[in-house]
Amino acid sequence: MPRTPHTTPPTYPDPIAGSRFASTISRVDPSGCAIALIGIPDDTGVKLNNGRPGASEGPTAIRAALAKMGVVDPEGWGWARVFDAGDVEVVPGDLHATHDRVTATTSHLLDLGLFPIALGGGHDLTFPFVRAVAQKFGAMNGVYFDPHLDVREHDGSGMPFRKLIETGSARTLRIHGFDPMSNSREHVRWFQANGGRIDDLSTPEDPFPEGDTFVSLDMDVFDSAYAPGVSALNAQGWSPELASRWVAAAGANSKIRSFDIMECSPPHDTQGRTSRLAARMLLTFLKAFSERPS
């Protein structure tokens, strides 16, 4: 089987216990799989925004945590088959070249009929990842869990959702977990003037938008007590229980066309808490996806 364009093989602990979900992930052949994982080990955008570097190590840390979690044969459902396409080969220091590789790799996986899940990496990487999905399905709605709007005008990890609107990849945006103390008036007004809707921390789940939608989880939506290993600490963020309800709802929704987990930064983690939480969110999504109607 030819290697997926622009990728290197994924890194997992060796060996993986045969009783764990990760032992079922194909790393060679996507045949028979429904989902593709793609790692994007780059934090160039984080550095451009003067954030804490380290998110480039996120994909490897999430996989290592995943290798210790999730049983192979759960009661009540069966896992969808997963192919891990490996990590995108980043171009050091060149944000746009890396973005082009992310889009090309994601497009290849979509052409194979796979549902793409990205593991990052700085949040700017959501832009080229979703850009590829929009090239297949057309302009989509966007739902993201993040304290920050990420609609900055300039290159960096704080620009993905502005770029998705400006390039026609997204037609509406909805943010959950918004922190009013971390977003400027300029950015809030731009967001609301361009199809954006803000839901505060206390808003309960409501229906996802109608039509094709992408979902993005920034790990800094979590309270720093749960997720210390992120690019930007959140002093008043979400609990895992709240996030899991949203992530499960996304996994179960057949109109959700892609999912990503960004900004896990292992150098700032404590006892692997953040990477384990990211792996748990991935498993939560996969479980719900597995229960989608055929």
C-alpha atoms as a PDB file:
ATOM      1  CA  MET A   1       0.000   0.000   0.000  1.00  0.00           C
ATOM      2  CA  PRO A   2       1.602   3.339  -1.015  1.00  0.00           C
ATOM      3  CA  ARG A   3       2.309   5.763   1.798  1.00  0.00           C
ATOM      4  CA  THR A   4      -0.151   8.588   2.317  1.00  0.00           C
ATOM      5  CA  PRO A   5       1.285  11.756   0.694  1.00  0.00           C
ATOM      6  CA  HIS A   6       3.424  13.998   2.909  1.00  0.00           C
ATOM      7  CA  THR A   7       3.343  11.748   5.977  1.00  0.00           C
ATOM      8  CA  THR A   8       5.686   9.775   8.186  1.00  0.00           C
ATOM      9  CA  PRO A   9       4.545   6.679  10.129  1.00  0.00           C
ATOM     10  CA  PRO A  10       2.721   7.294  13.418  1.00  0.00           C
ATOM     11  CA  THR A  11       4.591   6.770  16.687  1.00  0.00           C
ATOM     12  CA  TYR A  12       3.026   4.444  19.248  1.00  0.00           C
ATOM     13  CA  PRO A  13       4.534   2.618  22.226  1.00  0.00           C
ATOM     14  CA  ASP A  14       5.796  -0.812  21.234  1.00  0.00           C
ATOM     15  CA  PRO A  15       4.187  -3.155  21.918  1.00  0.00           C
ATOM     16  CA  ILE A  16       0.590  -2.052  22.461  1.00  0.00           C
ATOM     17  CA  ALA A  17      -1.401  -4.297  24.790  1.00  0.00           C
ATOM     18  CA  GLY A  18      -3.732  -6.456  22.711  1.00  0.00           C
ATOM     19  CA  SER A  19      -6.599  -5.678  25.067  1.00  0.00           C
ATOM     20  CA  ARG A  20      -6.469  -1.962  24.242  1.00  0.00           C
ATOM     21  CA  PHE A  21      -8.330  -0.194  21.471  1.00  0.00           C
ATOM     22  CA  ALA A  22      -5.130   1.141  19.880  1.00  0.00           C
ATOM     23  CA  SER A  23      -4.073  -2.409  19.007  1.00  0.00           C
ATOM     24  CA  THR A  24      -6.917  -2.468  16.437  1.00  0.00           C
ATOM     25  CA  ILE A  25      -5.757   0.669  14.603  1.00  0.00           C
ATOM     26  CA  SER A  26      -4.376  -0.095  11.145  1.00  0.00           C
ATOM     27  CA  ARG A  27      -1.111   1.670  10.393  1.00  0.00           C
ATOM     28  CA  VAL A  28      -0.528   0.208   6.931  1.00  0.00           C
ATOM     29  CA  ASP A  29      -3.746  -0.394   5.003  1.00  0.00           C
ATOM     30  CA  PRO A  30      -6.924   1.724   5.151  1.00  0.00           C
ATOM     31  CA  SER A  31      -9.047  -1.009   3.550  1.00  0.00           C
ATOM     32  CA  GLY A  32     -12.199  -1.621   5.537  1.00  0.00           C
ATOM     33  CA  CYS A  33     -11.657   1.436   7.728  1.00  0.00           C
ATOM     34  CA  ALA A  34     -14.173   4.228   8.256  1.00  0.00           C
ATOM     35  CA  ILE A  35     -11.968   6.797  10.008  1.00  0.00           C
ATOM     36  CA  ALA A  36      -8.494   8.195   9.402  1.00  0.00           C
ATOM     37  CA  LEU A  37      -6.286   9.791  12.025  1.00  0.00           C
ATOM     38  CA  ILE A  38      -3.725  12.325  10.901  1.00  0.00           C
ATOM     39  CA  GLY A  39      -1.120  13.866  13.175  1.00  0.00           C
ATOM     40  CA  ILE A  40       0.061  17.419  12.535  1.00  0.00           C
ATOM     41  CA  PRO A  41       3.157  17.962  14.710  1.00  0.00           C
ATOM     42  CA  ASP A  42       3.649  21.677  14.208  1.00  0.00           C
ATOM     43  CA  ASP A  43       3.525  24.683  16.534  1.00  0.00           C
ATOM     44  CA  THR A  44       4.872  27.371  14.214  1.00  0.00           C
ATOM     45  CA  GLY A  45       1.584  29.252  14.560  1.00  0.00           C
ATOM     46  CA  VAL A  46       1.775  29.095  18.355  1.00  0.00           C
ATOM     47  CA  LYS A  47       5.227  30.670  18.257  1.00  0.00           C
ATOM     48  CA  LEU A  48       4.019  33.397  15.894  1.00  0.00           C
ATOM     49  CA  ASN A  49       1.346  34.294  18.461  1.00  0.00           C
ATOM     50  CA  ASN A  50       3.898  34.247  21.308  1.00  0.00           C
ATOM     51  CA  GLY A  51       2.230  31.227  22.886  1.00  0.00           C
ATOM     52  CA  ARG A  52       3.973  28.451  24.795  1.00  0.00           C
ATOM     53  CA  PRO A  53       5.745  26.174  22.276  1.00  0.00           C
ATOM     54  CA  GLY A  54       5.304  22.434  22.586  1.00  0.00           C
ATOM     55  CA  ALA A  55       2.127  21.552  20.667  1.00  0.00           C
ATOM     56  CA  SER A  56       4.299  19.961  17.979  1.00  0.00           C
ATOM     57  CA  GLU A  57       4.654  17.035  20.407  1.00  0.00           C
ATOM     58  CA  GLY A  58       0.895  16.695  20.815  1.00  0.00           C
ATOM     59  CA  PRO A  59       0.161  13.915  18.296  1.00  0.00           C
ATOM     60  CA  THR A  60       2.782  11.552  19.719  1.00  0.00           C
ATOM     61  CA  ALA A  61       1.650  12.195  23.309  1.00  0.00           C
ATOM     62  CA  ILE A  62      -2.004  11.622  22.448  1.00  0.00           C
ATOM     63  CA  ARG A  63      -1.174   8.335  20.722  1.00  0.00           C
ATOM     64  CA  ALA A  64       0.909   7.218  23.699  1.00  0.00           C
ATOM     65  CA  ALA A  65      -2.019   7.924  26.014  1.00  0.00           C
ATOM     66  CA  LEU A  66      -4.435   6.221  23.628  1.00  0.00           C
ATOM     67  CA  ALA A  67      -2.324   3.051  23.735  1.00  0.00           C
ATOM     68  CA  LYS A  68      -3.241   2.639  27.421  1.00  0.00           C
ATOM     69  CA  MET A  69      -6.965   3.413  27.151  1.00  0.00           C
ATOM     70  CA  GLY A  70     -10.107   1.857  25.738  1.00  0.00           C
ATOM     71  CA  VAL A  71     -10.944  -1.844  25.703  1.00  0.00           C
ATOM     72  CA  VAL A  72     -10.998  -3.783  22.431  1.00  0.00           C
ATOM     73  CA  ASP A  73     -14.367  -5.431  23.084  1.00  0.00           C
ATOM     74  CA  PRO A  74     -16.686  -3.018  24.931  1.00  0.00           C
ATOM     75  CA  GLU A  75     -20.173  -4.030  26.014  1.00  0.00           C
ATOM     76  CA  GLY A  76     -22.978  -2.548  23.954  1.00  0.00           C
ATOM     77  CA  TRP A  77     -21.189  -1.329  20.847  1.00  0.00           C
ATOM     78  CA  GLY A  78     -18.339  -2.105  18.470  1.00  0.00           C
ATOM     79  CA  TRP A  79     -15.636   0.356  17.452  1.00  0.00           C
ATOM     80  CA  ALA A  80     -15.539   1.712  13.927  1.00  0.00           C
ATOM     81  CA  ARG A  81     -12.306   0.650  12.219  1.00  0.00           C
ATOM     82  CA  VAL A  82      -9.571   3.288  12.274  1.00  0.00           C
ATOM     83  CA  PHE A  83      -6.575   3.864  10.001  1.00  0.00           C
ATOM     84  CA  ASP A  84      -3.715   6.021  11.284  1.00  0.00           C
ATOM     85  CA  ALA A  85      -2.171   7.811   8.301  1.00  0.00           C
ATOM     86  CA  GLY A  86       0.767   9.064  10.373  1.00  0.00           C
ATOM     87  CA  ASP A  87       2.120  12.575  10.800  1.00  0.00           C
ATOM     88  CA  VAL A  88       2.241  15.277   8.172  1.00  0.00           C
ATOM     89  CA  GLU A  89       5.831  16.156   7.297  1.00  0.00           C
ATOM     90  CA  VAL A  90       5.962  19.791   8.355  1.00  0.00           C
ATOM     91  CA  VAL A  91       8.150  22.402   6.678  1.00  0.00           C
ATOM     92  CA  PRO A  92      10.038  23.986   9.600  1.00  0.00           C
ATOM     93  CA  GLY A  93       9.276  27.669   9.947  1.00  0.00           C
ATOM     94  CA  ASP A  94       7.076  27.810   6.833  1.00  0.00           C
ATOM     95  CA  LEU A  95       3.469  27.987   7.968  1.00  0.00           C
ATOM     96  CA  HIS A  96       1.964  28.122   4.487  1.00  0.00           C
ATOM     97  CA  ALA A  97       3.963  25.214   3.060  1.00  0.00           C
ATOM     98  CA  THR A  98       2.940  23.064   6.008  1.00  0.00           C
ATOM     99  CA  HIS A  99      -0.669  24.135   5.546  1.00  0.00           C
ATOM    100  CA  ASP A 100      -0.555  23.077   1.896  1.00  0.00           C
ATOM    101  CA  ARG A 101       0.716  19.643   2.913  1.00  0.00           C
ATOM    102  CA  VAL A 102      -2.049  19.284   5.495  1.00  0.00           C
ATOM    103  CA  THR A 103      -4.681  20.089   2.869  1.00  0.00           C
ATOM    104  CA  ALA A 104      -3.177  17.684   0.318  1.00  0.00           C
ATOM    105  CA  THR A 105      -2.929  14.851   2.846  1.00  0.00           C
ATOM    106  CA  THR A 106      -6.453  15.363   4.142  1.00  0.00           C
ATOM    107  CA  SER A 107      -7.806  15.476   0.596  1.00  0.00           C
ATOM    108  CA  HIS A 108      -6.157  12.122  -0.120  1.00  0.00           C
ATOM    109  CA  LEU A 109      -7.821  10.547   2.923  1.00  0.00           C
ATOM    110  CA  LEU A 110     -11.200  11.971   1.912  1.00  0.00           C
ATOM    111  CA  ASP A 111     -10.739  10.495  -1.568  1.00  0.00           C
ATOM    112  CA  LEU A 112     -10.365   7.097   0.130  1.00  0.00           C
ATOM    113  CA  GLY A 113     -13.801   7.589   1.677  1.00  0.00           C
ATOM    114  CA  LEU A 114     -12.462   8.045   5.212  1.00  0.00           C
ATOM    115  CA  PHE A 115     -13.763  10.379   7.924  1.00  0.00           C
ATOM    116  CA  PRO A 116     -10.781  12.584   8.921  1.00  0.00           C
ATOM    117  CA  ILE A 117      -9.713  13.306  12.498  1.00  0.00           C
ATOM    118  CA  ALA A 118      -6.683  15.551  13.031  1.00  0.00           C
ATOM    119  CA  LEU A 119      -4.424  15.613  16.092  1.00  0.00           C
ATOM    120  CA  GLY A 120      -2.388  18.788  16.586  1.00  0.00           C
ATOM    121  CA  GLY A 121      -0.510  20.926  16.783  1.00  0.00           C
ATOM    122  CA  GLY A 122      -1.342  24.637  16.841  1.00  0.00           C
ATOM    123  CA  HIS A 123      -4.941  25.659  16.214  1.00  0.00           C
ATOM    124  CA  ASP A 124      -4.020  27.363  12.936  1.00  0.00           C
ATOM    125  CA  LEU A 125      -3.857  23.811  11.528  1.00  0.00           C
ATOM    126  CA  THR A 126      -7.638  23.574  11.664  1.00  0.00           C
ATOM    127  CA  PHE A 127      -7.661  25.960   8.705  1.00  0.00           C
ATOM    128  CA  PRO A 128      -5.844  23.758   6.147  1.00  0.00           C
ATOM    129  CA  PHE A 129      -7.466  20.623   7.550  1.00  0.00           C
ATOM    130  CA  VAL A 130     -11.018  21.960   7.186  1.00  0.00           C
ATOM    131  CA  ARG A 131     -10.129  23.630   3.881  1.00  0.00           C
ATOM    132  CA  ALA A 132      -9.678  20.162   2.397  1.00  0.00           C
ATOM    133  CA  VAL A 133     -13.000  18.977   3.800  1.00  0.00           C
ATOM    134  CA  ALA A 134     -14.767  22.034   2.389  1.00  0.00           C
ATOM    135  CA  GLN A 135     -13.261  21.338  -1.027  1.00  0.00           C
ATOM    136  CA  LYS A 136     -15.186  18.061  -0.959  1.00  0.00           C
ATOM    137  CA  PHE A 137     -18.447  19.072   0.719  1.00  0.00           C
ATOM    138  CA  GLY A 138     -18.637  22.798   0.016  1.00  0.00           C
ATOM    139  CA  ALA A 139     -18.758  25.656   2.516  1.00  0.00           C
ATOM    140  CA  MET A 140     -19.619  24.284   5.949  1.00  0.00           C
ATOM    141  CA  ASN A 141     -20.840  25.387   9.326  1.00  0.00           C
ATOM    142  CA  GLY A 142     -18.164  25.486  12.004  1.00  0.00           C
ATOM    143  CA  VAL A 143     -18.551  24.554  15.667  1.00  0.00           C
ATOM    144  CA  TYR A 144     -15.575  24.914  17.963  1.00  0.00           C
ATOM    145  CA  PHE A 145     -14.852  24.541  21.653  1.00  0.00           C
ATOM    146  CA  ASP A 146     -12.369  27.224  22.607  1.00  0.00           C
ATOM    147  CA  PRO A 147     -12.102  30.233  24.930  1.00  0.00           C
ATOM    148  CA  HIS A 148     -10.632  32.236  22.035  1.00  0.00           C
ATOM    149  CA  LEU A 149     -12.370  33.310  18.831  1.00  0.00           C
ATOM    150  CA  ASP A 150      -9.163  32.789  16.805  1.00  0.00           C
ATOM    151  CA  VAL A 151     -10.103  35.347  14.150  1.00  0.00           C
ATOM    152  CA  ARG A 152      -6.876  37.317  14.100  1.00  0.00           C
ATOM    153  CA  GLU A 153      -5.959  38.933  10.829  1.00  0.00           C
ATOM    154  CA  HIS A 154      -2.309  37.877  10.861  1.00  0.00           C
ATOM    155  CA  ASP A 155      -0.663  34.465  10.537  1.00  0.00           C
ATOM    156  CA  GLY A 156      -0.484  32.412  13.702  1.00  0.00           C
ATOM    157  CA  SER A 157      -2.437  29.955  15.784  1.00  0.00           C
ATOM    158  CA  GLY A 158      -5.120  32.605  16.371  1.00  0.00           C
ATOM    159  CA  MET A 159      -6.197  32.924  12.726  1.00  0.00           C
ATOM    160  CA  PRO A 160      -7.926  29.717  11.540  1.00  0.00           C
ATOM    161  CA  PHE A 161     -11.586  30.676  11.707  1.00  0.00           C
ATOM    162  CA  ARG A 162     -11.135  34.043  10.069  1.00  0.00           C
ATOM    163  CA  LYS A 163      -9.284  32.313   7.218  1.00  0.00           C
ATOM    164  CA  LEU A 164     -12.021  29.715   6.873  1.00  0.00           C
ATOM    165  CA  ILE A 165     -14.626  32.462   6.486  1.00  0.00           C
ATOM    166  CA  GLU A 166     -12.499  34.573   4.139  1.00  0.00           C
ATOM    167  CA  THR A 167     -11.668  31.643   1.853  1.00  0.00           C
ATOM    168  CA  GLY A 168     -15.285  30.489   1.654  1.00  0.00           C
ATOM    169  CA  SER A 169     -14.613  27.211   3.471  1.00  0.00           C
ATOM    170  CA  ALA A 170     -16.995  28.150   6.305  1.00  0.00           C
ATOM    171  CA  ARG A 171     -20.303  29.944   6.030  1.00  0.00           C
ATOM    172  CA  THR A 172     -21.218  30.183   9.734  1.00  0.00           C
ATOM    173  CA  LEU A 173     -19.320  29.816  12.995  1.00  0.00           C
ATOM    174  CA  ARG A 174     -20.435  28.905  16.493  1.00  0.00           C
ATOM    175  CA  ILE A 175     -18.111  28.983  19.505  1.00  0.00           C
ATOM    176  CA  HIS A 176     -18.696  27.259  22.847  1.00  0.00           C
ATOM    177  CA  GLY A 177     -16.479  28.003  25.835  1.00  0.00           C
ATOM    178  CA  PHE A 178     -15.893  31.652  24.876  1.00  0.00           C
ATOM    179  CA  ASP A 179     -14.028  33.735  27.474  1.00  0.00           C
ATOM    180  CA  PRO A 180     -15.046  37.412  27.297  1.00  0.00           C
ATOM    181  CA  MET A 181     -11.862  38.425  29.132  1.00  0.00           C
ATOM    182  CA  SER A 182      -9.645  36.891  26.441  1.00  0.00           C
ATOM    183  CA  ASN A 183     -11.141  38.408  23.280  1.00  0.00           C
ATOM    184  CA  SER A 184     -10.974  41.970  22.021  1.00  0.00           C
ATOM    185  CA  ARG A 185     -13.925  44.103  20.997  1.00  0.00           C
ATOM    186  CA  GLU A 186     -12.528  44.199  17.441  1.00  0.00           C
ATOM    187  CA  HIS A 187     -12.485  40.414  17.167  1.00  0.00           C
ATOM    188  CA  VAL A 188     -15.915  39.957  18.714  1.00  0.00           C
ATOM    189  CA  ARG A 189     -17.460  42.465  16.301  1.00  0.00           C
ATOM    190  CA  TRP A 190     -15.730  40.888  13.292  1.00  0.00           C
ATOM    191  CA  PHE A 191     -16.920  37.452  14.381  1.00  0.00           C
ATOM    192  CA  GLN A 192     -20.534  38.494  14.859  1.00  0.00           C
ATOM    193  CA  ALA A 193     -20.566  40.446  11.586  1.00  0.00           C
ATOM    194  CA  ASN A 194     -19.401  37.355   9.705  1.00  0.00           C
ATOM    195  CA  GLY A 195     -21.929  34.747  10.736  1.00  0.00           C
ATOM    196  CA  GLY A 196     -20.575  34.024  14.208  1.00  0.00           C
ATOM    197  CA  ARG A 197     -22.582  33.054  17.282  1.00  0.00           C
ATOM    198  CA  ILE A 198     -21.197  33.080  20.822  1.00  0.00           C
ATOM    199  CA  ASP A 199     -22.430  30.718  23.539  1.00  0.00           C
ATOM    200  CA  ASP A 200     -21.054  31.276  27.015  1.00  0.00           C
ATOM    201  CA  LEU A 201     -19.667  28.665  29.408  1.00  0.00           C
ATOM    202  CA  SER A 202     -22.998  27.946  31.045  1.00  0.00           C
ATOM    203  CA  THR A 203     -25.016  27.356  27.873  1.00  0.00           C
ATOM    204  CA  PRO A 204     -26.322  23.782  27.708  1.00  0.00           C
ATOM    205  CA  GLU A 205     -26.137  21.738  24.536  1.00  0.00           C
ATOM    206  CA  ASP A 206     -28.454  22.757  21.747  1.00  0.00           C
ATOM    207  CA  PRO A 207     -28.824  21.250  18.261  1.00  0.00           C
ATOM    208  CA  PHE A 208     -25.869  21.491  15.917  1.00  0.00           C
ATOM    209  CA  PRO A 209     -26.353  23.652  12.818  1.00  0.00           C
ATOM    210  CA  GLU A 210     -28.253  22.186   9.893  1.00  0.00           C
ATOM    211  CA  GLY A 211     -26.090  20.954   7.048  1.00  0.00           C
ATOM    212  CA  ASP A 212     -22.472  19.841   6.749  1.00  0.00           C
ATOM    213  CA  THR A 213     -20.435  20.931   9.763  1.00  0.00           C
ATOM    214  CA  PHE A 214     -16.878  20.671  11.065  1.00  0.00           C
ATOM    215  CA  VAL A 215     -16.066  20.447  14.783  1.00  0.00           C
ATOM    216  CA  SER A 216     -12.818  21.538  16.439  1.00  0.00           C
ATOM    217  CA  LEU A 217     -11.738  20.966  20.046  1.00  0.00           C
ATOM    218  CA  ASP A 218      -9.016  23.224  21.415  1.00  0.00           C
ATOM    219  CA  MET A 219      -7.626  21.650  24.582  1.00  0.00           C
ATOM    220  CA  ASP A 220      -7.385  25.042  26.253  1.00  0.00           C
ATOM    221  CA  VAL A 221     -11.183  25.100  26.539  1.00  0.00           C
ATOM    222  CA  PHE A 222     -10.585  22.913  29.605  1.00  0.00           C
ATOM    223  CA  ASP A 223      -9.925  24.385  33.009  1.00  0.00           C
ATOM    224  CA  SER A 224      -6.202  24.327  33.752  1.00  0.00           C
ATOM    225  CA  ALA A 225      -6.885  22.020  36.700  1.00  0.00           C
ATOM    226  CA  TYR A 226      -7.723  19.333  34.127  1.00  0.00           C
ATOM    227  CA  ALA A 227      -5.496  20.409  31.228  1.00  0.00           C
ATOM    228  CA  PRO A 228      -2.254  22.119  32.280  1.00  0.00           C
ATOM    229  CA  GLY A 229      -0.449  21.029  29.108  1.00  0.00           C
ATOM    230  CA  VAL A 230      -1.834  23.512  26.591  1.00  0.00           C
ATOM    231  CA  SER A 231      -0.520  26.480  24.655  1.00  0.00           C
ATOM    232  CA  ALA A 232      -2.611  28.968  26.680  1.00  0.00           C
ATOM    233  CA  LEU A 233      -3.773  28.087  30.203  1.00  0.00           C
ATOM    234  CA  ASN A 234      -7.457  28.586  31.006  1.00  0.00           C
ATOM    235  CA  ALA A 235      -8.153  29.678  34.587  1.00  0.00           C
ATOM    236  CA  GLN A 236     -11.920  29.176  34.287  1.00  0.00           C
ATOM    237  CA  GLY A 237     -12.601  26.548  31.671  1.00  0.00           C
ATOM    238  CA  TRP A 238     -14.712  23.495  31.011  1.00  0.00           C
ATOM    239  CA  SER A 239     -14.864  20.263  32.936  1.00  0.00           C
ATOM    240  CA  PRO A 240     -14.223  16.946  31.134  1.00  0.00           C
ATOM    241  CA  GLU A 241     -17.808  15.929  31.804  1.00  0.00           C
ATOM    242  CA  LEU A 242     -19.217  18.977  30.004  1.00  0.00           C
ATOM    243  CA  ALA A 243     -16.849  18.586  27.053  1.00  0.00           C
ATOM    244  CA  SER A 244     -17.591  14.883  26.704  1.00  0.00           C
ATOM    245  CA  ARG A 245     -21.296  15.613  26.206  1.00  0.00           C
ATOM    246  CA  TRP A 246     -20.522  17.971  23.350  1.00  0.00           C
ATOM    247  CA  VAL A 247     -17.932  15.659  21.784  1.00  0.00           C
ATOM    248  CA  ALA A 248     -20.276  12.675  21.966  1.00  0.00           C
ATOM    249  CA  ALA A 249     -23.050  14.700  20.350  1.00  0.00           C
ATOM    250  CA  ALA A 250     -20.670  15.615  17.517  1.00  0.00           C
ATOM    251  CA  GLY A 251     -19.566  12.028  17.022  1.00  0.00           C
ATOM    252  CA  ALA A 252     -23.149  10.812  16.771  1.00  0.00           C
ATOM    253  CA  ASN A 253     -24.208  13.485  14.262  1.00  0.00           C
ATOM    254  CA  SER A 254     -23.971  12.267  10.660  1.00  0.00           C
ATOM    255  CA  LYS A 255     -23.686  15.865   9.398  1.00  0.00           C
ATOM    256  CA  ILE A 256     -20.348  16.322  11.170  1.00  0.00           C
ATOM    257  CA  ARG A 257     -17.753  15.863   8.432  1.00  0.00           C
ATOM    258  CA  SER A 258     -14.498  16.264  10.371  1.00  0.00           C
ATOM    259  CA  PHE A 259     -13.161  16.530  13.897  1.00  0.00           C
ATOM    260  CA  ASP A 260      -9.875  17.773  15.294  1.00  0.00           C
ATOM    261  CA  ILE A 261      -8.148  18.040  18.667  1.00  0.00           C
ATOM    262  CA  MET A 262      -5.595  20.856  18.883  1.00  0.00           C
ATOM    263  CA  GLU A 263      -3.167  22.585  21.268  1.00  0.00           C
ATOM    264  CA  CYS A 264      -2.104  19.651  23.444  1.00  0.00           C
ATOM    265  CA  SER A 265       1.369  20.741  24.609  1.00  0.00           C
ATOM    266  CA  PRO A 266       3.213  17.890  26.405  1.00  0.00           C
ATOM    267  CA  PRO A 267       6.232  19.924  27.639  1.00  0.00           C
ATOM    268  CA  HIS A 268       3.838  21.847  29.891  1.00  0.00           C
ATOM    269  CA  ASP A 269       1.799  18.840  30.974  1.00  0.00           C
ATOM    270  CA  THR A 270       1.730  17.342  34.467  1.00  0.00           C
ATOM    271  CA  GLN A 271       1.824  13.536  34.681  1.00  0.00           C
ATOM    272  CA  GLY A 272       0.360  13.314  31.178  1.00  0.00           C
ATOM    273  CA  ARG A 273      -3.015  14.612  32.331  1.00  0.00           C
ATOM    274  CA  THR A 274      -3.730  16.677  29.227  1.00  0.00           C
ATOM    275  CA  SER A 275      -2.716  14.035  26.700  1.00  0.00           C
ATOM    276  CA  ARG A 276      -4.831  11.447  28.539  1.00  0.00           C
ATOM    277  CA  LEU A 277      -7.769  13.833  28.492  1.00  0.00           C
ATOM    278  CA  ALA A 278      -7.273  14.417  24.750  1.00  0.00           C
ATOM    279  CA  ALA A 279      -7.157  10.652  24.179  1.00  0.00           C
ATOM    280  CA  ARG A 280     -10.338  10.257  26.200  1.00  0.00           C
ATOM    281  CA  MET A 281     -12.069  12.890  24.055  1.00  0.00           C
ATOM    282  CA  LEU A 282     -10.927  11.011  20.952  1.00  0.00           C
ATOM    283  CA  LEU A 283     -12.358   7.749  22.300  1.00  0.00           C
ATOM    284  CA  THR A 284     -15.576   9.558  23.234  1.00  0.00           C
ATOM    285  CA  PHE A 285     -15.950  10.791  19.660  1.00  0.00           C
ATOM    286  CA  LEU A 286     -15.110   7.370  18.213  1.00  0.00           C
ATOM    287  CA  LYS A 287     -17.642   5.601  20.427  1.00  0.00           C
ATOM    288  CA  ALA A 288     -20.414   7.961  19.347  1.00  0.00           C
ATOM    289  CA  PHE A 289     -19.312   7.726  15.702  1.00  0.00           C
ATOM    290  CA  SER A 290     -19.509   3.944  15.941  1.00  0.00           C
ATOM    291  CA  GLU A 291     -23.152   4.261  16.904  1.00  0.00           C
ATOM    292  CA  ARG A 292     -24.113   6.411  13.914  1.00  0.00           C
ATOM    293  CA  PRO A 293     -26.848   4.900  11.739  1.00  0.00           C
ATOM    294  CA  SER A 294     -25.408   3.012   8.770  1.00  0.00           C
END
